[in-house]
């Protein structure tokens, strides 16, 4: 259900540019909606060509670690991560956004 709301927002924004033929998205690995679920939903709602790129999560930790966090669990609208170096909870710096990179219209 949540993925439908996000998908409809993407559709609405893309259609502001005209009759859409193709869309390119960058989807954060830890976005509110898992990338596969969002892409499946978009594919059911529109007949556009959908090009997607998954943006890996990047975290920063108090211990000095910078990089990809260890993902302990990933579900619909939640995730649990830890620092692979010290096992504490790091701050996410990247990998949570969904961006429209390009819209191709007729």
Protein backbone atom coordinates (compact mmCIF):
# COMPACT_ATOMS: atom_id res chain seq x y z
CA UNK A 1 0.00 0.00 0.00
CA UNK A 2 2.76 2.47 0.94
CA UNK A 3 4.56 1.72 -2.32
CA UNK A 4 1.40 2.72 -4.23
CA UNK A 5 1.40 6.17 -2.60
CA UNK A 6 5.08 6.66 -3.45
CA UNK A 7 4.59 5.33 -7.00
CA UNK A 8 1.63 7.65 -7.61
CA UNK A 9 3.74 10.61 -6.42
CA UNK A 10 6.47 9.69 -8.92
CA UNK A 11 3.89 9.30 -11.69
CA UNK A 12 2.30 12.67 -10.88
CA UNK A 13 5.65 14.45 -10.86
CA UNK A 14 6.78 12.82 -14.13
CA UNK A 15 3.51 13.63 -15.90
CA UNK A 16 4.01 17.33 -15.18
CA UNK A 17 6.50 17.23 -18.06
CA UNK A 18 4.09 15.79 -20.64
CA UNK A 19 3.09 12.38 -21.97
CA UNK A 20 5.74 10.11 -20.45
CA UNK A 21 7.46 7.38 -22.45
CA UNK A 22 10.41 6.63 -20.18
CA UNK A 23 11.61 7.47 -16.70
CA UNK A 24 14.97 7.03 -14.99
CA UNK A 25 15.03 6.66 -11.22
CA UNK A 26 17.67 6.43 -8.53
CA UNK A 27 16.26 4.46 -5.60
CA UNK A 28 18.05 4.34 -2.29
CA UNK A 29 18.82 0.86 -1.04
CA UNK A 30 17.19 1.86 2.27
CA UNK A 31 14.40 4.09 0.93
CA UNK A 32 11.04 3.92 2.71
CA UNK A 33 9.88 1.46 0.06
CA UNK A 34 12.17 -1.41 -0.96
CA UNK A 35 13.32 -0.83 -4.55
CA UNK A 36 11.88 -4.11 -5.91
CA UNK A 37 8.44 -3.36 -4.44
CA UNK A 38 8.42 0.18 -5.84
CA UNK A 39 9.47 -0.96 -9.31
CA UNK A 40 6.87 -3.73 -9.34
CA UNK A 41 4.16 -1.26 -8.34
CA UNK A 42 5.21 1.30 -10.97
CA UNK A 43 5.19 -1.44 -13.61
CA UNK A 44 1.60 -2.28 -12.71
CA UNK A 45 0.45 1.36 -12.85
CA UNK A 46 2.11 2.61 -16.04
CA UNK A 47 3.37 1.23 -19.34
CA UNK A 48 6.47 3.43 -19.42
CA UNK A 49 9.98 2.14 -19.83
CA UNK A 50 11.44 2.34 -16.32
CA UNK A 51 15.19 2.52 -15.88
CA UNK A 52 16.39 2.25 -12.31
CA UNK A 53 19.65 2.55 -10.46
CA UNK A 54 19.97 1.41 -6.86
CA UNK A 55 21.94 3.81 -4.65
CA UNK A 56 23.90 1.87 -2.02
CA UNK A 57 23.52 3.02 1.57
CA UNK A 58 26.42 4.95 3.07
CA UNK A 59 26.82 5.42 6.81
CA UNK A 60 29.04 7.32 9.23
CA UNK A 61 29.74 6.04 12.71
CA UNK A 62 31.18 7.60 15.87
CA UNK A 63 34.01 5.06 15.71
CA UNK A 64 35.24 6.66 12.47
CA UNK A 65 33.77 4.13 10.05
CA UNK A 66 32.46 5.51 6.74
CA UNK A 67 30.95 3.15 4.21
CA UNK A 68 28.25 0.60 3.64
CA UNK A 69 26.49 -0.40 6.88
CA UNK A 70 25.70 -3.98 7.75
CA UNK A 71 21.98 -4.44 7.05
CA UNK A 72 20.59 -6.73 9.72
CA UNK A 73 16.99 -6.69 8.55
CA UNK A 74 15.08 -4.98 5.76
CA UNK A 75 11.33 -4.88 5.61
CA UNK A 76 8.55 -2.78 4.24
CA UNK A 77 9.11 0.76 5.59
CA UNK A 78 11.82 -0.27 8.10
CA UNK A 79 15.39 -1.48 8.37
CA UNK A 80 17.93 -2.33 11.06
CA UNK A 81 21.58 -1.53 10.45
CA UNK A 82 24.81 -1.62 12.40
CA UNK A 83 28.36 -0.47 11.95
CA UNK A 84 30.42 -3.36 10.59
CA UNK A 85 33.41 -2.12 12.60
CA UNK A 86 32.03 -1.54 16.14
CA UNK A 87 28.46 -2.94 15.93
CA UNK A 88 26.82 0.32 17.09
CA UNK A 89 24.07 2.13 15.16
CA UNK A 90 25.60 4.49 12.57
CA UNK A 91 24.02 7.55 10.97
CA UNK A 92 22.94 7.17 7.37
CA UNK A 93 24.46 9.69 4.99
CA UNK A 94 23.09 8.34 1.68
CA UNK A 95 20.86 5.66 0.25
CA UNK A 96 17.43 6.63 1.59
CA UNK A 97 16.12 8.87 -1.19
CA UNK A 98 14.13 8.22 -4.33
CA UNK A 99 15.08 10.58 -7.17
CA UNK A 100 13.71 11.10 -10.64
CA UNK A 101 16.83 11.48 -12.78
CA UNK A 102 15.25 11.85 -16.22
CA UNK A 103 11.84 11.86 -17.84
CA UNK A 104 11.46 11.26 -21.57
CA UNK A 105 8.20 12.51 -23.07
CA UNK A 106 6.59 12.34 -26.52
